[in-house]
Amino acid sequence: LKISLFWSYLSVAVGMAFLFCRALYTFLCLAASRPENLRSIEQMFS
């Protein structure tokens, strides 16, 4: 490909950052005894 391995390793950083944000949201909702108010994937695209 002649591209840097940086792009493969970046996937770990981006994927884990997204996972962290999503888990943090869940944790904050649990800590506040609040249900998650998120759309399902089907709802997002429909």
All heavy atoms as atom14 arrays in JSON, in Angstrom:
{
  "sequence": "LKISLFWSYLSVAVGMAFLFCRALYTFLCLAASRPENLRSIEQMFS",
  "atom14_mask": [
    [1, 1, 1, 1, 1, 1, 1, 1, 0, 0, 0, 0, 0, 0],
    [1, 1, 1, 1, 1, 1, 1, 1, 1, 0, 0, 0, 0, 0],
    [1, 1, 1, 1, 1, 1, 1, 1, 0, 0, 0, 0, 0, 0],
    [1, 1, 1, 1, 1, 1, 0, 0, 0, 0, 0, 0, 0, 0],
    [1, 1, 1, 1, 1, 1, 1, 1, 0, 0, 0, 0, 0, 0],
    [1, 1, 1, 1, 1, 1, 1, 1, 1, 1, 1, 0, 0, 0],
    [1, 1, 1, 1, 1, 1, 1, 1, 1, 1, 1, 1, 1, 1],
    [1, 1, 1, 1, 1, 1, 0, 0, 0, 0, 0, 0, 0, 0],
    [1, 1, 1, 1, 1, 1, 1, 1, 1, 1, 1, 1, 0, 0],
    [1, 1, 1, 1, 1, 1, 1, 1, 0, 0, 0, 0, 0, 0],
    [1, 1, 1, 1, 1, 1, 0, 0, 0, 0, 0, 0, 0, 0],
    [1, 1, 1, 1, 1, 1, 1, 0, 0, 0, 0, 0, 0, 0],
    [1, 1, 1, 1, 1, 0, 0, 0, 0, 0, 0, 0, 0, 0],
    [1, 1, 1, 1, 1, 1, 1, 0, 0, 0, 0, 0, 0, 0],
    [1, 1, 1, 1, 0, 0, 0, 0, 0, 0, 0, 0, 0, 0],
    [1, 1, 1, 1, 1, 1, 1, 1, 0, 0, 0, 0, 0, 0],
    [1, 1, 1, 1, 1, 0, 0, 0, 0, 0, 0, 0, 0, 0],
    [1, 1, 1, 1, 1, 1, 1, 1, 1, 1, 1, 0, 0, 0],
    [1, 1, 1, 1, 1, 1, 1, 1, 0, 0, 0, 0, 0, 0],
    [1, 1, 1, 1, 1, 1, 1, 1, 1, 1, 1, 0, 0, 0],
    [1, 1, 1, 1, 1, 1, 0, 0, 0, 0, 0, 0, 0, 0],
    [1, 1, 1, 1, 1, 1, 1, 1, 1, 1, 1, 0, 0, 0],
    [1, 1, 1, 1, 1, 0, 0, 0, 0, 0, 0, 0, 0, 0],
    [1, 1, 1, 1, 1, 1, 1, 1, 0, 0, 0, 0, 0, 0],
    [1, 1, 1, 1, 1, 1, 1, 1, 1, 1, 1, 1, 0, 0],
    [1, 1, 1, 1, 1, 1, 1, 0, 0, 0, 0, 0, 0, 0],
    [1, 1, 1, 1, 1, 1, 1, 1, 1, 1, 1, 0, 0, 0],
    [1, 1, 1, 1, 1, 1, 1, 1, 0, 0, 0, 0, 0, 0],
    [1, 1, 1, 1, 1, 1, 0, 0, 0, 0, 0, 0, 0, 0],
    [1, 1, 1, 1, 1, 1, 1, 1, 0, 0, 0, 0, 0, 0],
    [1, 1, 1, 1, 1, 0, 0, 0, 0, 0, 0, 0, 0, 0],
    [1, 1, 1, 1, 1, 0, 0, 0, 0, 0, 0, 0, 0, 0],
    [1, 1, 1, 1, 1, 1, 0, 0, 0, 0, 0, 0, 0, 0],
    [1, 1, 1, 1, 1, 1, 1, 1, 1, 1, 1, 0, 0, 0],
    [1, 1, 1, 1, 1, 1, 1, 0, 0, 0, 0, 0, 0, 0],
    [1, 1, 1, 1, 1, 1, 1, 1, 1, 0, 0, 0, 0, 0],
    [1, 1, 1, 1, 1, 1, 1, 1, 0, 0, 0, 0, 0, 0],
    [1, 1, 1, 1, 1, 1, 1, 1, 0, 0, 0, 0, 0, 0],
    [1, 1, 1, 1, 1, 1, 1, 1, 1, 1, 1, 0, 0, 0],
    [1, 1, 1, 1, 1, 1, 0, 0, 0, 0, 0, 0, 0, 0],
    [1, 1, 1, 1, 1, 1, 1, 1, 0, 0, 0, 0, 0, 0],
    [1, 1, 1, 1, 1, 1, 1, 1, 1, 0, 0, 0, 0, 0],
    [1, 1, 1, 1, 1, 1, 1, 1, 1, 0, 0, 0, 0, 0],
    [1, 1, 1, 1, 1, 1, 1, 1, 0, 0, 0, 0, 0, 0],
    [1, 1, 1, 1, 1, 1, 1, 1, 1, 1, 1, 0, 0, 0],
    [1, 1, 1, 1, 1, 1, 0, 0, 0, 0, 0, 0, 0, 0]
  ],
  "atom14_positions": [
    [[0.81, -1.22, 0.0], [0.0, 0.0, 0.0], [0.84, 1.27, 0.0], [0.37, 2.33, -0.39], [-0.92, 0.03, 1.22], [-2.1, -0.92, 1.23], [-2.84, -0.83, 2.55], [-3.03, -0.64, 0.08], [0.0, 0.0, 0.0], [0.0, 0.0, 0.0], [0.0, 0.0, 0.0], [0.0, 0.0, 0.0], [0.0, 0.0, 0.0], [0.0, 0.0, 0.0]],
    [[2.05, 1.18, 0.5], [2.95, 2.33, 0.6], [2.4, 3.43, 1.5], [2.68, 4.6, 1.3], [3.26, 2.92, -0.79], [3.78, 1.93, -1.78], [5.18, 1.5, -1.44], [5.72, 0.64, -2.58], [6.47, -0.49, -2.16], [0.0, 0.0, 0.0], [0.0, 0.0, 0.0], [0.0, 0.0, 0.0], [0.0, 0.0, 0.0], [0.0, 0.0, 0.0]],
    [[1.58, 3.02, 2.48], [1.1, 3.99, 3.47], [1.64, 3.57, 4.84], [2.03, 2.43, 5.05], [-0.43, 4.11, 3.5], [-1.07, 2.8, 3.94], [-0.97, 4.59, 2.18], [-2.55, 2.91, 4.23], [0.0, 0.0, 0.0], [0.0, 0.0, 0.0], [0.0, 0.0, 0.0], [0.0, 0.0, 0.0], [0.0, 0.0, 0.0], [0.0, 0.0, 0.0]],
    [[1.63, 4.49, 5.75], [2.18, 4.28, 7.08], [1.31, 3.32, 7.91], [0.08, 3.33, 7.8], [2.27, 5.63, 7.78], [2.67, 5.47, 9.1], [0.0, 0.0, 0.0], [0.0, 0.0, 0.0], [0.0, 0.0, 0.0], [0.0, 0.0, 0.0], [0.0, 0.0, 0.0], [0.0, 0.0, 0.0], [0.0, 0.0, 0.0], [0.0, 0.0, 0.0]],
    [[1.97, 2.54, 8.76], [1.25, 1.71, 9.72], [0.5, 2.55, 10.75], [-0.34, 2.05, 11.48], [2.21, 0.77, 10.45], [2.7, -0.44, 9.68], [3.74, -1.18, 10.48], [1.56, -1.33, 9.31], [0.0, 0.0, 0.0], [0.0, 0.0, 0.0], [0.0, 0.0, 0.0], [0.0, 0.0, 0.0], [0.0, 0.0, 0.0], [0.0, 0.0, 0.0]],
    [[0.8, 3.82, 10.77], [0.11, 4.78, 11.63], [-1.41, 4.63, 11.51], [-2.12, 4.7, 12.5], [0.53, 6.2, 11.22], [-0.28, 7.3, 11.84], [0.07, 7.78, 13.09], [-1.35, 7.86, 11.18], [-0.66, 8.81, 13.67], [-2.09, 8.89, 11.74], [-1.74, 9.36, 13.0], [0.0, 0.0, 0.0], [0.0, 0.0, 0.0], [0.0, 0.0, 0.0]],
    [[-1.91, 4.38, 10.3], [-3.36, 4.3, 10.07], [-3.97, 3.09, 10.74], [-5.12, 3.14, 11.19], [-3.67, 4.35, 8.59], [-3.22, 5.65, 8.01], [-2.11, 5.89, 7.24], [-3.83, 6.92, 8.23], [-1.99, 7.23, 6.96], [-3.04, 7.89, 7.56], [-4.94, 7.35, 8.93], [-3.35, 9.24, 7.57], [-5.25, 8.7, 8.94], [-4.45, 9.62, 8.26]],
    [[-3.24, 2.0, 10.84], [-3.74, 0.83, 11.57], [-3.79, 1.12, 13.06], [-4.77, 0.8, 13.74], [-2.84, -0.38, 11.33], [-2.95, -0.82, 10.02], [0.0, 0.0, 0.0], [0.0, 0.0, 0.0], [0.0, 0.0, 0.0], [0.0, 0.0, 0.0], [0.0, 0.0, 0.0], [0.0, 0.0, 0.0], [0.0, 0.0, 0.0], [0.0, 0.0, 0.0]],
    [[-2.72, 1.7, 13.58], [-2.68, 2.0, 15.01], [-3.67, 3.1, 15.38], [-4.2, 3.1, 16.49], [-1.26, 2.37, 15.43], [-0.36, 1.18, 15.54], [0.31, 0.69, 14.43], [-0.2, 0.52, 16.75], [1.13, -0.43, 14.52], [0.61, -0.59, 16.86], [1.28, -1.07, 15.74], [2.07, -2.16, 15.84], [0.0, 0.0, 0.0], [0.0, 0.0, 0.0]],
    [[-3.91, 4.0, 14.48], [-4.9, 5.05, 14.74], [-6.29, 4.45, 14.96], [-7.08, 4.97, 15.74], [-4.93, 6.05, 13.59], [-5.86, 7.25, 13.76], [-5.41, 8.12, 14.93], [-5.91, 8.06, 12.48], [0.0, 0.0, 0.0], [0.0, 0.0, 0.0], [0.0, 0.0, 0.0], [0.0, 0.0, 0.0], [0.0, 0.0, 0.0], [0.0, 0.0, 0.0]],
    [[-6.57, 3.35, 14.31], [-7.87, 2.7, 14.48], [-8.1, 2.28, 15.92], [-9.22, 2.35, 16.42], [-8.01, 1.5, 13.55], [-7.13, 0.47, 13.93], [0.0, 0.0, 0.0], [0.0, 0.0, 0.0], [0.0, 0.0, 0.0], [0.0, 0.0, 0.0], [0.0, 0.0, 0.0], [0.0, 0.0, 0.0], [0.0, 0.0, 0.0], [0.0, 0.0, 0.0]],
    [[-7.05, 1.85, 16.6], [-7.18, 1.47, 18.01], [-7.52, 2.71, 18.84], [-8.43, 2.68, 19.67], [-5.89, 0.8, 18.52], [-6.01, 0.47, 20.01], [-5.57, -0.44, 17.71], [0.0, 0.0, 0.0], [0.0, 0.0, 0.0], [0.0, 0.0, 0.0], [0.0, 0.0, 0.0], [0.0, 0.0, 0.0], [0.0, 0.0, 0.0], [0.0, 0.0, 0.0]],
    [[-6.8, 3.8, 18.61], [-7.05, 5.02, 19.38], [-8.46, 5.55, 19.13], [-9.18, 5.88, 20.08], [-6.01, 6.08, 19.01], [0.0, 0.0, 0.0], [0.0, 0.0, 0.0], [0.0, 0.0, 0.0], [0.0, 0.0, 0.0], [0.0, 0.0, 0.0], [0.0, 0.0, 0.0], [0.0, 0.0, 0.0], [0.0, 0.0, 0.0], [0.0, 0.0, 0.0]],
    [[-8.88, 5.6, 17.89], [-10.22, 6.11, 17.56], [-11.3, 5.18, 18.09], [-12.28, 5.61, 18.7], [-10.37, 6.34, 16.04], [-11.79, 6.67, 15.67], [-9.43, 7.44, 15.58], [0.0, 0.0, 0.0], [0.0, 0.0, 0.0], [0.0, 0.0, 0.0], [0.0, 0.0, 0.0], [0.0, 0.0, 0.0], [0.0, 0.0, 0.0], [0.0, 0.0, 0.0]],
    [[-11.14, 3.89, 17.84], [-12.13, 2.92, 18.3], [-12.29, 2.94, 19.81], [-13.41, 2.92, 20.34], [0.0, 0.0, 0.0], [0.0, 0.0, 0.0], [0.0, 0.0, 0.0], [0.0, 0.0, 0.0], [0.0, 0.0, 0.0], [0.0, 0.0, 0.0], [0.0, 0.0, 0.0], [0.0, 0.0, 0.0], [0.0, 0.0, 0.0], [0.0, 0.0, 0.0]],
    [[-11.17, 3.0, 20.52], [-11.23, 3.02, 21.98], [-11.75, 4.36, 22.51], [-12.41, 4.41, 23.54], [-9.88, 2.69, 22.59], [-9.46, 1.24, 22.4], [-10.64, 0.04, 23.06], [-11.26, -0.7, 21.57], [0.0, 0.0, 0.0], [0.0, 0.0, 0.0], [0.0, 0.0, 0.0], [0.0, 0.0, 0.0], [0.0, 0.0, 0.0], [0.0, 0.0, 0.0]],
    [[-11.48, 5.45, 21.82], [-12.03, 6.75, 22.22], [-13.55, 6.73, 22.09], [-14.27, 7.21, 22.98], [-11.42, 7.87, 21.39], [0.0, 0.0, 0.0], [0.0, 0.0, 0.0], [0.0, 0.0, 0.0], [0.0, 0.0, 0.0], [0.0, 0.0, 0.0], [0.0, 0.0, 0.0], [0.0, 0.0, 0.0], [0.0, 0.0, 0.0], [0.0, 0.0, 0.0]],
    [[-14.05, 6.19, 20.99], [-15.5, 6.06, 20.81], [-16.1, 5.16, 21.88], [-17.14, 5.47, 22.47], [-15.84, 5.51, 19.43], [-15.82, 6.51, 18.31], [-15.27, 7.76, 18.46], [-16.36, 6.19, 17.08], [-15.26, 8.68, 17.42], [-16.37, 7.09, 16.03], [-15.82, 8.34, 16.21], [0.0, 0.0, 0.0], [0.0, 0.0, 0.0], [0.0, 0.0, 0.0]],
    [[-15.44, 4.03, 22.13], [-15.93, 3.1, 23.15], [-15.93, 3.76, 24.53], [-16.88, 3.62, 25.29], [-15.06, 1.84, 23.15], [-15.55, 0.68, 24.0], [-16.87, 0.14, 23.46], [-14.51, -0.43, 24.04], [0.0, 0.0, 0.0], [0.0, 0.0, 0.0], [0.0, 0.0, 0.0], [0.0, 0.0, 0.0], [0.0, 0.0, 0.0], [0.0, 0.0, 0.0]],
    [[-14.87, 4.52, 24.83], [-14.79, 5.23, 26.1], [-15.94, 6.22, 26.25], [-16.6, 6.27, 27.29], [-13.45, 5.97, 26.21], [-13.29, 6.74, 27.48], [-12.82, 6.12, 28.62], [-13.63, 8.09, 27.54], [-12.69, 6.84, 29.82], [-13.49, 8.81, 28.72], [-13.03, 8.17, 29.87], [0.0, 0.0, 0.0], [0.0, 0.0, 0.0], [0.0, 0.0, 0.0]],
    [[-16.2, 7.01, 25.22], [-17.29, 8.0, 25.27], [-18.64, 7.33, 25.48], [-19.46, 7.79, 26.29], [-17.3, 8.84, 24.0], [-15.89, 9.94, 23.85], [0.0, 0.0, 0.0], [0.0, 0.0, 0.0], [0.0, 0.0, 0.0], [0.0, 0.0, 0.0], [0.0, 0.0, 0.0], [0.0, 0.0, 0.0], [0.0, 0.0, 0.0], [0.0, 0.0, 0.0]],
    [[-18.85, 6.23, 24.77], [-20.15, 5.54, 24.89], [-20.3, 4.93, 26.28], [-21.36, 5.0, 26.89], [-20.26, 4.48, 23.79], [-21.58, 3.73, 23.78], [-22.74, 4.7, 23.55], [-24.0, 4.01, 23.59], [-24.66, 3.76, 24.73], [-24.19, 4.14, 25.89], [-25.83, 3.13, 24.68], [0.0, 0.0, 0.0], [0.0, 0.0, 0.0], [0.0, 0.0, 0.0]],
    [[-19.24, 4.33, 26.81], [-19.29, 3.73, 28.15], [-19.41, 4.81, 29.23], [-20.1, 4.61, 30.24], [-18.07, 2.86, 28.39], [0.0, 0.0, 0.0], [0.0, 0.0, 0.0], [0.0, 0.0, 0.0], [0.0, 0.0, 0.0], [0.0, 0.0, 0.0], [0.0, 0.0, 0.0], [0.0, 0.0, 0.0], [0.0, 0.0, 0.0], [0.0, 0.0, 0.0]],
    [[-18.76, 5.94, 29.01], [-18.86, 7.05, 29.97], [-20.3, 7.55, 30.05], [-20.82, 7.82, 31.13], [-17.92, 8.19, 29.57], [-17.92, 9.41, 30.48], [-17.49, 9.05, 31.89], [-17.03, 10.5, 29.91], [0.0, 0.0, 0.0], [0.0, 0.0, 0.0], [0.0, 0.0, 0.0], [0.0, 0.0, 0.0], [0.0, 0.0, 0.0], [0.0, 0.0, 0.0]],
    [[-20.95, 7.66, 28.91], [-22.35, 8.08, 28.88], [-23.21, 7.1, 29.69], [-24.04, 7.51, 30.5], [-22.85, 8.17, 27.44], [-24.32, 8.51, 27.34], [-24.76, 9.81, 27.45], [-25.26, 7.5, 27.14], [-26.11, 10.12, 27.38], [-26.61, 7.8, 27.06], [-27.03, 9.11, 27.17], [-28.36, 9.4, 27.1], [0.0, 0.0, 0.0], [0.0, 0.0, 0.0]],
    [[-23.0, 5.81, 29.47], [-23.75, 4.79, 30.22], [-23.49, 4.92, 31.71], [-24.41, 4.88, 32.51], [-23.37, 3.38, 29.73], [-23.72, 3.25, 28.37], [-24.07, 2.3, 30.53], [0.0, 0.0, 0.0], [0.0, 0.0, 0.0], [0.0, 0.0, 0.0], [0.0, 0.0, 0.0], [0.0, 0.0, 0.0], [0.0, 0.0, 0.0], [0.0, 0.0, 0.0]],
    [[-22.22, 5.08, 32.08], [-21.87, 5.22, 33.5], [-22.53, 6.46, 34.11], [-23.06, 6.39, 35.22], [-20.35, 5.29, 33.67], [-19.94, 5.52, 35.09], [-20.03, 4.5, 36.03], [-19.49, 6.77, 35.49], [-19.67, 4.72, 37.35], [-19.12, 6.99, 36.81], [-19.21, 5.97, 37.75], [0.0, 0.0, 0.0], [0.0, 0.0, 0.0], [0.0, 0.0, 0.0]],
    [[-22.5, 7.58, 33.41], [-23.11, 8.8, 33.93], [-24.62, 8.64, 34.11], [-25.19, 9.11, 35.09], [-22.8, 9.99, 33.03], [-21.35, 10.45, 33.01], [-21.13, 11.54, 31.95], [-20.92, 10.95, 34.38], [0.0, 0.0, 0.0], [0.0, 0.0, 0.0], [0.0, 0.0, 0.0], [0.0, 0.0, 0.0], [0.0, 0.0, 0.0], [0.0, 0.0, 0.0]],
    [[-25.25, 7.97, 33.17], [-26.69, 7.71, 33.3], [-26.98, 6.81, 34.49], [-27.94, 7.03, 35.24], [-27.24, 7.09, 32.01], [-27.38, 8.27, 30.66], [0.0, 0.0, 0.0], [0.0, 0.0, 0.0], [0.0, 0.0, 0.0], [0.0, 0.0, 0.0], [0.0, 0.0, 0.0], [0.0, 0.0, 0.0], [0.0, 0.0, 0.0], [0.0, 0.0, 0.0]],
    [[-26.15, 5.78, 34.68], [-26.32, 4.89, 35.84], [-26.11, 5.66, 37.14], [-26.87, 5.49, 38.11], [-25.35, 3.71, 35.77], [-25.64, 2.66, 34.71], [-24.45, 1.72, 34.56], [-26.9, 1.89, 35.04], [0.0, 0.0, 0.0], [0.0, 0.0, 0.0], [0.0, 0.0, 0.0], [0.0, 0.0, 0.0], [0.0, 0.0, 0.0], [0.0, 0.0, 0.0]],
    [[-25.08, 6.51, 37.18], [-24.78, 7.28, 38.39], [-25.89, 8.26, 38.72], [-26.17, 8.53, 39.9], [-23.45, 8.01, 38.23], [0.0, 0.0, 0.0], [0.0, 0.0, 0.0], [0.0, 0.0, 0.0], [0.0, 0.0, 0.0], [0.0, 0.0, 0.0], [0.0, 0.0, 0.0], [0.0, 0.0, 0.0], [0.0, 0.0, 0.0], [0.0, 0.0, 0.0]],
    [[-26.54, 8.8, 37.7], [-27.63, 9.77, 37.91], [-28.99, 9.09, 37.99], [-30.01, 9.76, 38.09], [-27.63, 10.79, 36.77], [0.0, 0.0, 0.0], [0.0, 0.0, 0.0], [0.0, 0.0, 0.0], [0.0, 0.0, 0.0], [0.0, 0.0, 0.0], [0.0, 0.0, 0.0], [0.0, 0.0, 0.0], [0.0, 0.0, 0.0], [0.0, 0.0, 0.0]],
    [[-29.01, 7.76, 37.96], [-30.27, 6.99, 37.96], [-31.21, 7.49, 36.88], [-32.4, 7.7, 37.09], [-30.95, 7.05, 39.33], [-30.12, 6.5, 40.31], [0.0, 0.0, 0.0], [0.0, 0.0, 0.0], [0.0, 0.0, 0.0], [0.0, 0.0, 0.0], [0.0, 0.0, 0.0], [0.0, 0.0, 0.0], [0.0, 0.0, 0.0], [0.0, 0.0, 0.0]],
    [[-30.66, 7.69, 35.72], [-31.4, 8.22, 34.58], [-31.33, 7.22, 33.43], [-30.26, 6.69, 33.14], [-30.75, 9.54, 34.15], [-31.34, 10.16, 32.92], [-30.45, 11.33, 32.49], [-31.0, 12.03, 31.35], [-30.74, 11.72, 30.09], [-29.95, 10.73, 29.79], [-31.29, 12.41, 29.11], [0.0, 0.0, 0.0], [0.0, 0.0, 0.0], [0.0, 0.0, 0.0]],
    [[-32.44, 6.94, 32.77], [-32.36, 6.04, 31.61], [-31.62, 6.71, 30.45], [-31.64, 7.93, 30.31], [-33.83, 5.79, 31.25], [-34.57, 6.93, 31.83], [-33.79, 7.4, 33.03], [0.0, 0.0, 0.0], [0.0, 0.0, 0.0], [0.0, 0.0, 0.0], [0.0, 0.0, 0.0], [0.0, 0.0, 0.0], [0.0, 0.0, 0.0], [0.0, 0.0, 0.0]],
    [[-30.96, 5.89, 29.66], [-30.27, 6.42, 28.49], [-31.31, 6.89, 27.48], [-32.28, 6.19, 27.2], [-29.38, 5.34, 27.86], [-28.21, 4.98, 28.73], [-27.27, 3.99, 28.06], [-27.49, 3.63, 26.88], [-26.32, 3.57, 28.73], [0.0, 0.0, 0.0], [0.0, 0.0, 0.0], [0.0, 0.0, 0.0], [0.0, 0.0, 0.0], [0.0, 0.0, 0.0]],
    [[-31.09, 8.08, 26.95], [-32.02, 8.66, 25.98], [-31.34, 8.73, 24.61], [-31.07, 9.81, 24.11], [-32.46, 10.05, 26.46], [-33.55, 10.62, 25.59], [-34.26, 9.9, 24.91], [-33.66, 11.94, 25.58], [0.0, 0.0, 0.0], [0.0, 0.0, 0.0], [0.0, 0.0, 0.0], [0.0, 0.0, 0.0], [0.0, 0.0, 0.0], [0.0, 0.0, 0.0]],
    [[-31.05, 7.56, 24.08], [-30.37, 7.49, 22.79], [-31.24, 6.75, 21.79], [-32.02, 5.88, 22.14], [-29.02, 6.77, 22.94], [-28.0, 7.41, 23.86], [-26.77, 6.53, 23.96], [-27.63, 8.79, 23.37], [0.0, 0.0, 0.0], [0.0, 0.0, 0.0], [0.0, 0.0, 0.0], [0.0, 0.0, 0.0], [0.0, 0.0, 0.0], [0.0, 0.0, 0.0]],
    [[-31.03, 7.12, 20.53], [-31.74, 6.43, 19.46], [-31.03, 5.13, 19.12], [-29.8, 5.05, 19.21], [-31.8, 7.31, 18.21], [-32.63, 8.57, 18.42], [-32.58, 9.44, 17.22], [-31.2, 9.91, 17.09], [-30.79, 10.75, 16.18], [-31.61, 11.22, 15.3], [-29.54, 11.14, 16.12], [0.0, 0.0, 0.0], [0.0, 0.0, 0.0], [0.0, 0.0, 0.0]],
    [[-31.8, 4.15, 18.72], [-31.19, 2.92, 18.23], [-30.63, 3.2, 16.84], [-30.94, 4.23, 16.22], [-32.22, 1.79, 18.16], [-33.15, 2.05, 17.12], [0.0, 0.0, 0.0], [0.0, 0.0, 0.0], [0.0, 0.0, 0.0], [0.0, 0.0, 0.0], [0.0, 0.0, 0.0], [0.0, 0.0, 0.0], [0.0, 0.0, 0.0], [0.0, 0.0, 0.0]],
    [[-29.85, 2.3, 16.36], [-29.25, 2.49, 15.04], [-30.33, 2.54, 13.97], [-30.27, 3.35, 13.04], [-28.21, 1.38, 14.77], [-27.04, 1.62, 15.71], [-27.76, 1.39, 13.32], [-26.06, 0.52, 15.78], [0.0, 0.0, 0.0], [0.0, 0.0, 0.0], [0.0, 0.0, 0.0], [0.0, 0.0, 0.0], [0.0, 0.0, 0.0], [0.0, 0.0, 0.0]],
    [[-31.34, 1.71, 14.12], [-32.45, 1.74, 13.15], [-33.13, 3.09, 13.15], [-33.47, 3.63, 12.09], [-33.48, 0.64, 13.48], [-32.96, -0.76, 13.3], [-32.22, -1.28, 14.54], [-32.28, -0.64, 15.62], [-31.56, -2.32, 14.41], [0.0, 0.0, 0.0], [0.0, 0.0, 0.0], [0.0, 0.0, 0.0], [0.0, 0.0, 0.0], [0.0, 0.0, 0.0]],
    [[-33.34, 3.67, 14.33], [-33.97, 4.98, 14.43], [-33.1, 6.07, 13.82], [-33.61, 6.99, 13.18], [-34.28, 5.32, 15.88], [-35.35, 4.48, 16.5], [-35.44, 4.68, 18.0], [-34.45, 5.01, 18.66], [-36.62, 4.46, 18.56], [0.0, 0.0, 0.0], [0.0, 0.0, 0.0], [0.0, 0.0, 0.0], [0.0, 0.0, 0.0], [0.0, 0.0, 0.0]],
    [[-31.79, 5.97, 14.02], [-30.88, 6.99, 13.46], [-31.0, 7.07, 11.95], [-31.09, 8.15, 11.38], [-29.43, 6.65, 13.8], [-29.02, 6.92, 15.2], [-27.28, 6.49, 15.37], [-27.27, 5.95, 17.04], [0.0, 0.0, 0.0], [0.0, 0.0, 0.0], [0.0, 0.0, 0.0], [0.0, 0.0, 0.0], [0.0, 0.0, 0.0], [0.0, 0.0, 0.0]],
    [[-31.0, 5.91, 11.32], [-30.98, 5.91, 9.87], [-32.37, 6.01, 9.26], [-32.51, 6.55, 8.18], [-30.22, 4.69, 9.34], [-28.75, 4.81, 9.58], [-28.16, 4.19, 10.66], [-27.97, 5.61, 8.76], [-26.81, 4.34, 10.91], [-26.62, 5.77, 9.0], [-26.04, 5.13, 10.08], [0.0, 0.0, 0.0], [0.0, 0.0, 0.0], [0.0, 0.0, 0.0]],
    [[-33.4, 5.57, 9.96], [-34.74, 5.74, 9.4], [-35.17, 7.2, 9.47], [-35.81, 7.7, 8.58], [-35.75, 4.84, 10.13], [-35.88, 5.23, 11.48], [0.0, 0.0, 0.0], [0.0, 0.0, 0.0], [0.0, 0.0, 0.0], [0.0, 0.0, 0.0], [0.0, 0.0, 0.0], [0.0, 0.0, 0.0], [0.0, 0.0, 0.0], [0.0, 0.0, 0.0]]
  ]
}
